[in-house]
């Protein structure tokens, strides 16, 4: 794929001894060990397409991972043929070492999972209805596979900036809390831009600038902002004079956008939930930090600590989720591939294939 036969097993011309910068002994960076899982899937299925299906991702993602692994190791691992993939000599060697590591990791993971399955109790999670409807659900199956004995109580919060006196274990909210008794941890940055649906644009056209908004039907919400709504709060009364629809329910707002009622400010991650949402590039956007807050005594509960770890490592990972990055990143079609990989990565970390991987004798 990357090197010719004569180059196999040898670094490219001009290369230095050892691995790439920051990778002593030629080993991949810590975050790239996951690439070996993709290599194992290709070796097992002898097909990029079948490996992608098994991993729950795309053929392009699998190819990119293999290319990167070959660059890190400086060898070609597979040959592609009309009927499938075949391991090279160096690929066979790497497969042997990877299978040994896979077996050891599976045993360690099995022991850890046995302990995790013994975690029992409940955890109450207070969060906004937008996150509850459009972000949390795809990850819950992974959570319950890993922690079947935890009872999760999801409570919806329609104002993510107001103080709360209700009893809860963890609250997800925008802006740091004023209560010094609460421990607050940043999770992600949520970026908002105007959205319309394809149906709305087909009927009313697409605004080319903020000035064009006066000719369009705008919708707004009071959630986590002032009573005037998000348009006026962030961009001033001079930008937007009035709105056609006003609500305190973000899921209702999103459904109204989907139905082609009007234009609304929504978080960029909603593009992953509904392909009909079209982000409008008119130079208007704002960002807010998302925090997880809890009282110290509640974090002593093992189920609460378990959920806090799950939120940080699975649901909100700015390094692999560009829609939660510190800096604004415009919505892009490649996000769907990144989202599929995030789900696959979370599921693989929780439920690895511990069955032995048979050595492929020939491509199918």
Protein backbone atom coordinates (compact mmCIF):
# COMPACT_ATOMS: atom_id res chain seq x y z
CA UNK A 1 0.00 0.00 0.00
CA UNK A 2 2.63 2.53 1.05
CA UNK A 3 6.01 1.02 0.14
CA UNK A 4 7.25 -1.11 -2.71
CA UNK A 5 8.55 -4.66 -2.21
CA UNK A 6 12.18 -3.56 -2.19
CA UNK A 7 11.41 -1.01 0.50
CA UNK A 8 9.54 -3.44 2.72
CA UNK A 9 11.07 -3.57 6.18
CA UNK A 10 13.37 -0.62 5.45
CA UNK A 11 12.86 3.04 6.31
CA UNK A 12 12.45 5.45 3.41
CA UNK A 13 15.51 7.22 2.07
CA UNK A 14 16.67 10.04 4.29
CA UNK A 15 14.88 8.51 7.29
CA UNK A 16 16.54 8.52 10.65
CA UNK A 17 17.06 5.64 12.99
CA UNK A 18 14.27 4.81 15.41
CA UNK A 19 10.62 5.73 14.97
CA UNK A 20 9.06 8.97 13.87
CA UNK A 21 9.52 12.06 15.99
CA UNK A 22 8.05 11.54 19.44
CA UNK A 23 7.86 7.76 18.94
CA UNK A 24 11.01 6.08 20.30
CA UNK A 25 11.81 2.57 19.15
CA UNK A 26 9.52 2.98 16.16
CA UNK A 27 6.34 2.33 18.20
CA UNK A 28 3.14 4.22 17.41
CA UNK A 29 1.91 6.94 19.68
CA UNK A 30 -0.33 5.93 22.55
CA UNK A 31 -3.46 7.05 20.73
CA UNK A 32 -2.54 4.96 17.68
CA UNK A 33 -2.48 1.56 19.29
CA UNK A 34 -6.11 1.38 18.25
CA UNK A 35 -4.85 1.12 14.64
CA UNK A 36 -3.77 -2.45 15.38
CA UNK A 37 -7.42 -3.34 16.02
CA UNK A 38 -8.20 -2.30 12.45
CA UNK A 39 -5.26 -4.34 11.18
CA UNK A 40 -6.53 -7.40 13.09
CA UNK A 41 -9.99 -7.02 11.57
CA UNK A 42 -8.54 -6.92 8.04
CA UNK A 43 -6.33 -9.94 8.78
CA UNK A 44 -9.31 -11.82 10.16
CA UNK A 45 -11.76 -11.02 7.36
CA UNK A 46 -9.22 -10.72 4.46
CA UNK A 47 -11.32 -7.79 3.21
CA UNK A 48 -11.36 -4.03 3.79
CA UNK A 49 -15.12 -4.00 3.22
CA UNK A 50 -15.86 -6.85 5.64
CA UNK A 51 -13.47 -5.38 8.24
CA UNK A 52 -15.31 -2.05 8.04
CA UNK A 53 -18.65 -3.81 8.56
CA UNK A 54 -17.27 -5.72 11.56
CA UNK A 55 -15.84 -2.54 13.11
CA UNK A 56 -18.97 -0.51 12.44
CA UNK A 57 -17.13 2.10 10.38
CA UNK A 58 -16.36 2.91 6.73
CA UNK A 59 -13.93 1.37 4.24
CA UNK A 60 -12.22 4.75 3.97
CA UNK A 61 -11.61 4.83 7.73
CA UNK A 62 -10.11 1.33 7.69
CA UNK A 63 -7.81 2.21 4.76
CA UNK A 64 -6.64 5.38 6.50
CA UNK A 65 -5.84 3.47 9.68
CA UNK A 66 -3.86 0.84 7.76
CA UNK A 67 -1.96 3.53 5.85
CA UNK A 68 -1.06 5.28 9.09
CA UNK A 69 0.02 2.04 10.77
CA UNK A 70 2.27 1.21 7.80
CA UNK A 71 3.81 4.66 8.00
CA UNK A 72 4.41 4.27 11.73
CA UNK A 73 5.95 0.80 11.36
CA UNK A 74 7.67 1.62 8.05
CA UNK A 75 6.61 -1.63 6.41
CA UNK A 76 3.84 -2.73 4.08
CA UNK A 77 1.45 -5.04 5.90
CA UNK A 78 -1.04 -6.15 3.25
CA UNK A 79 -1.40 -6.51 -0.50
CA UNK A 80 -4.74 -5.81 -2.09
CA UNK A 81 -6.02 -8.11 -4.79
CA UNK A 82 -9.21 -8.47 -6.81
CA UNK A 83 -10.59 -11.03 -4.36
CA UNK A 84 -9.43 -9.57 -1.06
CA UNK A 85 -6.35 -8.76 0.99
CA UNK A 86 -3.25 -10.89 1.62
CA UNK A 87 -0.72 -10.36 4.38
CA UNK A 88 2.85 -9.64 3.33
CA UNK A 89 5.79 -11.36 5.03
CA UNK A 90 6.16 -8.37 7.36
CA UNK A 91 2.39 -8.40 7.87
CA UNK A 92 2.59 -12.02 9.07
CA UNK A 93 5.29 -11.06 11.57
CA UNK A 94 3.33 -8.10 12.88
CA UNK A 95 0.20 -10.27 13.08
CA UNK A 96 1.99 -12.78 15.34
CA UNK A 97 3.05 -10.06 17.77
CA UNK A 98 -0.34 -8.36 17.61
CA UNK A 99 -2.20 -11.60 18.33
CA UNK A 100 -0.04 -12.16 21.41
CA UNK A 101 -0.74 -8.64 22.63
CA UNK A 102 -4.43 -9.02 21.79
CA UNK A 103 -4.66 -12.18 23.86
CA UNK A 104 -2.95 -10.58 26.85
CA UNK A 105 -5.13 -7.47 26.64
CA UNK A 106 -8.28 -9.58 26.33
CA UNK A 107 -7.40 -11.50 29.50
CA UNK A 108 -6.70 -8.25 31.36
CA UNK A 109 -9.88 -6.69 30.03
CA UNK A 110 -11.92 -9.74 31.03
CA UNK A 111 -10.69 -9.48 34.59
CA UNK A 112 -11.43 -5.75 34.66
CA UNK A 113 -14.90 -6.23 33.20
CA UNK A 114 -15.70 -8.88 35.79
CA UNK A 115 -14.98 -6.26 38.43
CA UNK A 116 -16.96 -3.58 36.57
CA UNK A 117 -20.01 -5.83 36.28
CA UNK A 118 -20.07 -5.97 40.07
CA UNK A 119 -20.62 -2.20 40.28
CA UNK A 120 -24.17 -1.78 41.56
CA UNK A 121 -26.31 1.17 42.57
CA UNK A 122 -27.88 4.20 40.95
CA UNK A 123 -26.71 7.47 39.44
CA UNK A 124 -28.91 10.47 38.67
CA UNK A 125 -27.88 12.61 35.71
CA UNK A 126 -29.40 16.06 35.18
CA UNK A 127 -28.92 17.49 31.68
CA UNK A 128 -30.56 19.60 28.99
CA UNK A 129 -33.20 18.13 26.73
CA UNK A 130 -31.06 18.79 23.64
CA UNK A 131 -28.18 16.66 24.90
CA UNK A 132 -30.66 14.09 26.19
CA UNK A 133 -32.44 13.78 22.85
CA UNK A 134 -29.66 14.27 20.32
CA UNK A 135 -26.41 13.14 21.91
CA UNK A 136 -26.76 10.76 24.86
CA UNK A 137 -28.92 7.89 23.46
CA UNK A 138 -26.40 6.39 20.95
CA UNK A 139 -23.95 5.79 23.81
CA UNK A 140 -26.36 4.28 26.35
CA UNK A 141 -26.25 0.79 24.84
CA UNK A 142 -22.46 0.80 25.31
CA UNK A 143 -22.82 2.02 28.90
CA UNK A 144 -25.32 -0.67 29.91
CA UNK A 145 -23.33 -3.42 28.20
CA UNK A 146 -20.42 -2.46 30.40
CA UNK A 147 -22.37 -1.65 33.57
CA UNK A 148 -25.57 -3.75 33.56
CA UNK A 149 -26.14 -3.33 37.29
CA UNK A 150 -26.14 0.47 37.38
CA UNK A 151 -29.56 2.15 37.41
CA UNK A 152 -29.27 5.44 35.50
CA UNK A 153 -31.82 8.14 36.24
CA UNK A 154 -31.88 10.77 33.47
CA UNK A 155 -33.58 14.02 34.53
CA UNK A 156 -34.19 16.77 31.98
CA UNK A 157 -33.19 20.35 32.75
CA UNK A 158 -34.68 23.15 30.65
CA UNK A 159 -32.31 25.87 31.89
CA UNK A 160 -28.65 24.87 31.82
CA UNK A 161 -27.42 28.02 33.54
CA UNK A 162 -29.83 28.37 36.46
CA UNK A 163 -28.82 27.13 39.94
CA UNK A 164 -30.38 23.88 41.06
CA UNK A 165 -31.37 22.72 44.53
CA UNK A 166 -32.80 19.37 43.50
CA UNK A 167 -31.05 16.21 44.56
CA UNK A 168 -28.89 14.89 41.74
CA UNK A 169 -25.52 13.15 41.43
CA UNK A 170 -24.17 14.82 38.28
CA UNK A 171 -25.39 17.86 36.42
CA UNK A 172 -24.32 18.82 32.90
CA UNK A 173 -24.62 22.56 32.34
CA UNK A 174 -23.22 25.62 30.59
CA UNK A 175 -21.14 28.14 32.55
CA UNK A 176 -19.33 27.41 35.79
CA UNK A 177 -21.54 27.16 38.90
CA UNK A 178 -21.36 29.81 41.62
CA UNK A 179 -21.86 27.26 44.39
CA UNK A 180 -18.40 26.66 45.96
CA UNK A 181 -19.63 23.39 47.42
CA UNK A 182 -19.84 21.87 43.94
CA UNK A 183 -16.90 20.40 42.06
CA UNK A 184 -17.00 21.46 38.42
CA UNK A 185 -15.12 19.78 35.58
CA UNK A 186 -15.07 21.04 31.95
CA UNK A 187 -16.20 18.43 29.43
CA UNK A 188 -16.38 20.13 26.05
CA UNK A 189 -17.02 23.28 24.07
CA UNK A 190 -20.40 23.43 22.35
CA UNK A 191 -20.57 25.62 19.25
CA UNK A 192 -23.82 27.15 17.95
CA UNK A 193 -24.60 28.31 14.40
CA UNK A 194 -27.85 29.08 12.53
CA UNK A 195 -29.56 26.08 10.98
CA UNK A 196 -32.38 25.63 8.50
CA UNK A 197 -33.80 22.51 6.93
CA UNK A 198 -33.47 21.55 3.28
CA UNK A 199 -37.25 21.95 2.99
CA UNK A 200 -37.14 25.51 4.35
CA UNK A 201 -34.30 26.51 2.00
CA UNK A 202 -36.14 25.05 -0.98
CA UNK A 203 -39.19 27.16 -0.13
CA UNK A 204 -37.67 30.38 1.24
CA UNK A 205 -34.08 30.39 0.01
CA UNK A 206 -30.87 30.62 2.03
CA UNK A 207 -29.76 33.86 3.72
CA UNK A 208 -26.39 35.10 2.47
CA UNK A 209 -25.67 37.41 5.41
CA UNK A 210 -26.96 38.49 8.81
CA UNK A 211 -28.78 41.37 7.11
CA UNK A 212 -30.81 38.85 5.09
CA UNK A 213 -32.27 37.41 8.30
CA UNK A 214 -34.90 40.18 8.42
CA UNK A 215 -36.49 38.51 5.39
CA UNK A 216 -36.65 35.10 7.05
CA UNK A 217 -38.69 33.37 9.72
CA UNK A 218 -36.62 33.03 12.89
CA UNK A 219 -37.16 30.76 15.87
CA UNK A 220 -35.64 31.18 19.31
CA UNK A 221 -35.34 29.69 22.76
CA UNK A 222 -34.78 31.00 26.28
CA UNK A 223 -32.79 28.00 27.47
CA UNK A 224 -29.65 28.89 29.42
CA UNK A 225 -29.91 32.49 28.18
CA UNK A 226 -31.92 35.64 28.93
CA UNK A 227 -35.64 36.08 28.37
CA UNK A 228 -35.08 37.81 25.02
CA UNK A 229 -33.68 34.61 23.58
CA UNK A 230 -30.40 33.55 22.04
CA UNK A 231 -30.38 35.78 18.93
CA UNK A 232 -30.65 39.06 20.85
CA UNK A 233 -28.52 37.88 23.77
CA UNK A 234 -25.52 37.06 21.60
CA UNK A 235 -25.87 39.38 18.60
CA UNK A 236 -27.85 42.37 19.86
CA UNK A 237 -31.31 43.76 19.20
CA UNK A 238 -30.15 45.47 16.01
CA UNK A 239 -29.37 42.16 14.29
CA UNK A 240 -32.67 40.47 14.96
CA UNK A 241 -35.79 42.55 15.64
CA UNK A 242 -38.29 39.78 16.32
CA UNK A 243 -38.91 36.05 16.16
CA UNK A 244 -41.80 34.01 14.83
CA UNK A 245 -41.54 31.13 17.29
CA UNK A 246 -40.24 31.20 20.85
CA UNK A 247 -39.84 28.21 23.18
CA UNK A 248 -37.92 26.98 26.22
CA UNK A 249 -37.60 23.44 24.81
CA UNK A 250 -34.59 22.76 22.55
CA UNK A 251 -35.88 19.42 21.26
CA UNK A 252 -39.11 21.11 20.16
CA UNK A 253 -37.04 23.81 18.47
CA UNK A 254 -35.00 21.18 16.60
CA UNK A 255 -38.15 19.38 15.46
CA UNK A 256 -39.51 22.71 14.21
CA UNK A 257 -36.34 23.31 12.20
CA UNK A 258 -36.65 19.79 10.77
CA UNK A 259 -40.25 20.53 9.76
CA UNK A 260 -39.12 23.60 7.78
CA UNK A 261 -40.79 26.16 10.07
CA UNK A 262 -37.82 28.52 10.27
CA UNK A 263 -34.17 29.21 11.17
CA UNK A 264 -32.74 28.66 14.66
CA UNK A 265 -29.40 28.65 16.46
CA UNK A 266 -28.47 25.09 17.38
CA UNK A 267 -25.30 23.21 18.42
CA UNK A 268 -23.22 21.93 15.52
CA UNK A 269 -23.42 18.31 16.71
CA UNK A 270 -27.10 18.15 15.64
CA UNK A 271 -25.88 17.58 12.07
CA UNK A 272 -24.98 14.07 13.24
CA UNK A 273 -28.55 13.40 14.34
CA UNK A 274 -30.46 14.71 11.34
CA UNK A 275 -29.20 15.01 7.76
CA UNK A 276 -31.94 17.52 6.94
CA UNK A 277 -30.24 20.18 9.09
CA UNK A 278 -28.22 22.63 6.97
CA UNK A 279 -25.71 24.92 8.76
CA UNK A 280 -25.81 28.50 7.49
CA UNK A 281 -22.42 30.11 6.96
CA UNK A 282 -23.30 33.78 7.49
CA UNK A 283 -20.54 34.67 9.97
CA UNK A 284 -22.77 34.14 13.01
CA UNK A 285 -21.78 31.73 15.74
CA UNK A 286 -21.07 31.49 19.46
CA UNK A 287 -19.53 28.92 21.79
CA UNK A 288 -20.14 27.91 25.40
CA UNK A 289 -18.33 25.52 27.72
CA UNK A 290 -20.11 22.42 28.97
CA UNK A 291 -19.37 21.38 32.55
CA UNK A 292 -20.11 18.39 34.77
CA UNK A 293 -20.78 19.37 38.39
CA UNK A 294 -21.24 17.23 41.47
CA UNK A 295 -20.88 17.35 45.23
CA UNK A 296 -17.80 15.70 46.65
CA UNK A 297 -19.74 13.30 48.88
CA UNK A 298 -21.78 12.06 45.92
CA UNK A 299 -18.62 11.25 43.98
CA UNK A 300 -17.83 8.72 46.69
CA UNK A 301 -20.54 6.51 45.15
CA UNK A 302 -18.92 4.09 42.72
CA UNK A 303 -21.73 4.36 40.11
CA UNK A 304 -21.28 8.15 40.09
CA UNK A 305 -17.53 7.89 39.58
CA UNK A 306 -18.17 5.37 36.82
CA UNK A 307 -20.54 7.74 35.00
CA UNK A 308 -18.13 10.66 35.37
CA UNK A 309 -15.41 8.59 33.71
CA UNK A 310 -17.81 7.51 30.95
CA UNK A 311 -18.77 11.13 30.24
CA UNK A 312 -15.14 12.23 30.01
CA UNK A 313 -13.78 9.35 27.96
CA UNK A 314 -16.72 8.27 25.79
CA UNK A 315 -19.37 10.99 25.38
CA UNK A 316 -17.21 14.09 25.25
CA UNK A 317 -13.77 13.67 23.71
CA UNK A 318 -12.64 16.94 22.06
CA UNK A 319 -9.55 15.22 20.63
CA UNK A 320 -11.58 12.91 18.38
CA UNK A 321 -14.86 14.87 18.18
CA UNK A 322 -14.29 18.12 16.24
CA UNK A 323 -17.78 19.39 17.14
CA UNK A 324 -16.57 19.60 20.79
CA UNK A 325 -13.10 21.03 20.06
CA UNK A 326 -11.92 24.17 21.89
CA UNK A 327 -11.90 26.12 18.62
CA UNK A 328 -14.87 26.30 16.27
CA UNK A 329 -14.82 23.78 13.42
CA UNK A 330 -17.43 24.15 10.70
CA UNK A 331 -19.75 21.14 10.26
CA UNK A 332 -18.42 18.80 7.61
CA UNK A 333 -19.68 15.57 5.97
CA UNK A 334 -16.60 13.77 7.36
CA UNK A 335 -18.10 14.19 10.83
CA UNK A 336 -20.37 11.21 10.27
CA UNK A 337 -17.34 9.00 9.76
CA UNK A 338 -15.72 10.43 12.90
CA UNK A 339 -18.94 9.82 14.85
CA UNK A 340 -19.19 6.22 13.63
CA UNK A 341 -15.59 5.70 14.70
CA UNK A 342 -16.33 7.20 18.13
CA UNK A 343 -19.18 4.76 18.69
CA UNK A 344 -17.11 1.84 17.38
CA UNK A 345 -14.17 2.86 19.58
CA UNK A 346 -16.37 3.07 22.68
CA UNK A 347 -17.93 -0.30 21.94
CA UNK A 348 -14.57 -1.94 21.18
CA UNK A 349 -13.10 -0.62 24.43
CA UNK A 350 -16.00 -2.10 26.34
CA UNK A 351 -16.60 -5.33 24.44
CA UNK A 352 -13.46 -6.55 22.69
CA UNK A 353 -13.51 -9.61 20.50
CA UNK A 354 -11.87 -12.13 22.81
CA UNK A 355 -12.39 -15.02 20.46
CA UNK A 356 -9.24 -16.34 18.79
CA UNK A 357 -8.47 -14.85 15.40
CA UNK A 358 -7.80 -17.58 12.89
CA UNK A 359 -4.86 -16.95 10.57
CA UNK A 360 -6.21 -16.37 7.04
CA UNK A 361 -4.84 -19.05 4.74
CA UNK A 362 -5.89 -17.28 1.55
CA UNK A 363 -8.09 -14.48 0.41
CA UNK A 364 -11.70 -15.36 -0.16
